[in-house]
Structure formats: C-alpha cells, structure tokens
C-alpha atoms as a PDB file:
ATOM      1  CA  MET A   1      94.468 121.302  94.533  1.00  0.00           C
ATOM      2  CA  VAL A   2      91.471 121.889  92.389  1.00  0.00           C
ATOM      3  CA  ARG A   3      91.669 119.020  89.442  1.00  0.00           C
ATOM      4  CA  LYS A   4      90.468 120.718  86.320  1.00  0.00           C
ATOM      5  CA  ILE A   5      86.770 119.596  84.781  1.00  0.00           C
ATOM      6  CA  ASN A   6      87.257 118.132  80.911  1.00  0.00           C
ATOM      7  CA  GLU A   7      83.778 119.085  79.930  1.00  0.00           C
ATOM      8  CA  ASN A   8      84.129 116.589  77.417  1.00  0.00           C
ATOM      9  CA  LEU A   9      83.708 113.760  79.927  1.00  0.00           C
ATOM     10  CA  MET A  10      81.447 115.838  82.216  1.00  0.00           C
ATOM     11  CA  ASP A  11      78.915 115.477  78.428  1.00  0.00           C
ATOM     12  CA  ASP A  12      79.611 112.040  78.865  1.00  0.00           C
ATOM     13  CA  ILE A  13      78.020 111.256  82.525  1.00  0.00           C
ATOM     14  CA  MET A  14      75.518 113.315  81.538  1.00  0.00           C
ATOM     15  CA  LYS A  15      74.044 111.300  79.075  1.00  0.00           C
ATOM     16  CA  ILE A  16      74.835 108.483  80.489  1.00  0.00           C
ATOM     17  CA  LEU A  17      72.703 109.610  82.946  1.00  0.00           C
ATOM     18  CA  LEU A  18      70.010 110.468  80.478  1.00  0.00           C
ATOM     19  CA  GLN A  19      68.825 107.239  79.883  1.00  0.00           C
ATOM     20  CA  GLY A  20      68.487 107.138  83.732  1.00  0.00           C
ATOM     21  CA  GLU A  21      69.068 106.851  87.543  1.00  0.00           C
ATOM     22  CA  LYS A  22      72.462 104.725  87.478  1.00  0.00           C
ATOM     23  CA  THR A  23      74.812 103.852  90.367  1.00  0.00           C
ATOM     24  CA  GLY A  24      78.385 105.771  89.920  1.00  0.00           C
ATOM     25  CA  TYR A  25      79.707 102.181  89.272  1.00  0.00           C
ATOM     26  CA  GLU A  26      77.018 101.750  86.701  1.00  0.00           C
ATOM     27  CA  VAL A  27      78.187 105.197  84.862  1.00  0.00           C
ATOM     28  CA  TYR A  28      81.915 103.848  84.689  1.00  0.00           C
ATOM     29  CA  LYS A  29      81.406 100.711  83.127  1.00  0.00           C
ATOM     30  CA  ASP A  30      79.036 102.361  80.751  1.00  0.00           C
ATOM     31  CA  LEU A  31      82.434 104.482  80.204  1.00  0.00           C
ATOM     32  CA  LYS A  32      84.954 102.203  79.890  1.00  0.00           C
ATOM     33  CA  LYS A  33      82.479 100.020  77.458  1.00  0.00           C
ATOM     34  CA  ASN A  34      82.525 103.466  75.648  1.00  0.00           C
ATOM     35  CA  GLY A  35      86.488 103.260  75.303  1.00  0.00           C
ATOM     36  CA  ARG A  36      86.928 105.753  77.718  1.00  0.00           C
ATOM     37  CA  ASN A  37      90.630 104.706  79.314  1.00  0.00           C
ATOM     38  CA  ILE A  38      89.636 106.510  83.042  1.00  0.00           C
ATOM     39  CA  SER A  39      89.383 104.916  87.260  1.00  0.00           C
ATOM     40  CA  SER A  40      86.217 104.713  88.833  1.00  0.00           C
ATOM     41  CA  ARG A  41      87.444 107.227  91.462  1.00  0.00           C
ATOM     42  CA  LEU A  42      87.658 109.997  88.984  1.00  0.00           C
ATOM     43  CA  VAL A  43      83.588 109.304  88.048  1.00  0.00           C
ATOM     44  CA  TYR A  44      82.567 109.885  91.469  1.00  0.00           C
ATOM     45  CA  HIS A  45      85.156 113.544  91.674  1.00  0.00           C
ATOM     46  CA  TYR A  46      82.682 113.850  88.402  1.00  0.00           C
ATOM     47  CA  LEU A  47      79.138 112.682  89.854  1.00  0.00           C
ATOM     48  CA  HIS A  48      80.443 114.624  93.196  1.00  0.00           C
ATOM     49  CA  VAL A  49      81.486 118.276  91.512  1.00  0.00           C
ATOM     50  CA  ALA A  50      78.137 117.472  89.046  1.00  0.00           C
ATOM     51  CA  LEU A  51      76.350 117.049  92.894  1.00  0.00           C
ATOM     52  CA  LYS A  52      77.703 120.682  93.959  1.00  0.00           C
ATOM     53  CA  GLU A  53      76.659 122.286  90.239  1.00  0.00           C
ATOM     54  CA  ASP A  54      73.233 121.084  91.104  1.00  0.00           C
ATOM     55  CA  LYS A  55      73.088 119.359  88.033  1.00  0.00           C
ATOM     56  CA  VAL A  56      72.611 115.883  89.503  1.00  0.00           C
ATOM     57  CA  SER A  57      70.754 114.205  92.164  1.00  0.00           C
ATOM     58  CA  MET A  58      71.410 111.262  94.159  1.00  0.00           C
ATOM     59  CA  GLU A  59      69.450 109.117  96.527  1.00  0.00           C
ATOM     60  CA  LYS A  60      70.693 106.533  98.715  1.00  0.00           C
ATOM     61  CA  LYS A  61      68.152 103.049  98.775  1.00  0.00           C
ATOM     62  CA  ASN A  62      68.822  99.978 100.529  1.00  0.00           C
ATOM     63  CA  GLU A  63      69.532  97.028  97.901  1.00  0.00           C
ATOM     64  CA  ILE A  64      69.008  93.208  99.682  1.00  0.00           C
ATOM     65  CA  GLY A  65      71.157  90.275  97.886  1.00  0.00           C
ATOM     66  CA  ARG A  66      73.852  88.018  98.900  1.00  0.00           C
ATOM     67  CA  PHE A  67      77.003  90.301  99.553  1.00  0.00           C
ATOM     68  CA  SER A  68      79.817  89.109 101.362  1.00  0.00           C
ATOM     69  CA  TRP A  69      79.236  91.298 104.436  1.00  0.00           C
ATOM     70  CA  GLY A  70      75.374  90.469 104.945  1.00  0.00           C
ATOM     71  CA  SER A  71      72.185  89.957 103.095  1.00  0.00           C
ATOM     72  CA  THR A  72      71.642  94.819 102.463  1.00  0.00           C
ATOM     73  CA  ALA A  73      73.813  97.193 100.818  1.00  0.00           C
ATOM     74  CA  ILE A  74      72.833 101.226 100.564  1.00  0.00           C
ATOM     75  CA  LYS A  75      73.920 101.788  97.409  1.00  0.00           C
ATOM     76  CA  ASN A  76      73.897 105.843  95.982  1.00  0.00           C
ATOM     77  CA  TYR A  77      72.047 106.234  92.564  1.00  0.00           C
ATOM     78  CA  TYR A  78      72.305 109.267  90.196  1.00  0.00           C
ATOM     79  CA  LYS A  79      70.160 111.290  88.304  1.00  0.00           C
ATOM     80  CA  LEU A  80      69.652 114.529  86.374  1.00  0.00           C
ATOM     81  CA  LYS A  81      68.041 117.382  87.514  1.00  0.00           C
END
C-alpha cells in the first residue's frame, strides 16, 4: 500500500531543513512545537520519500556522549540538496 503524500507536511519539513542539517528527531520536535499532531514514524517516512525524490541528502555521523548503550551513537543528519 502506498501512502498518499501530504504536500503541506512535506513543505513544512523542507522549511525546517532550510535552517540547516537536522536529525529526523529534531525535525519531528520542530513540527510538534509548531502544532503538528504527527508521529515520529511519519516524519521518518517523509524524509525517506524526500531522499528517494532526491530533495534531501543524508549523512551518518558518529556522536560521542553518554548513552545508555555506550559512549558513541551514529545519527542520520538530513539536509536540503
């Protein structure tokens, strides 16, 4: 089953990424702060669609910190092309 893309939501995600590269979770938090009642899963779906449509690029980065599983985490950062 193919999910219909809400162009308004896609536009909002692109506007958020105009501010610079962000993780999917950061995009989700910004959308929630702006009053969108959506799930993080939907945001990641839209970011995946944007990757396939070549609207955004993704870069994996290692982050060092104190995580419950250890001292590093690999995070995916999205940015507009």
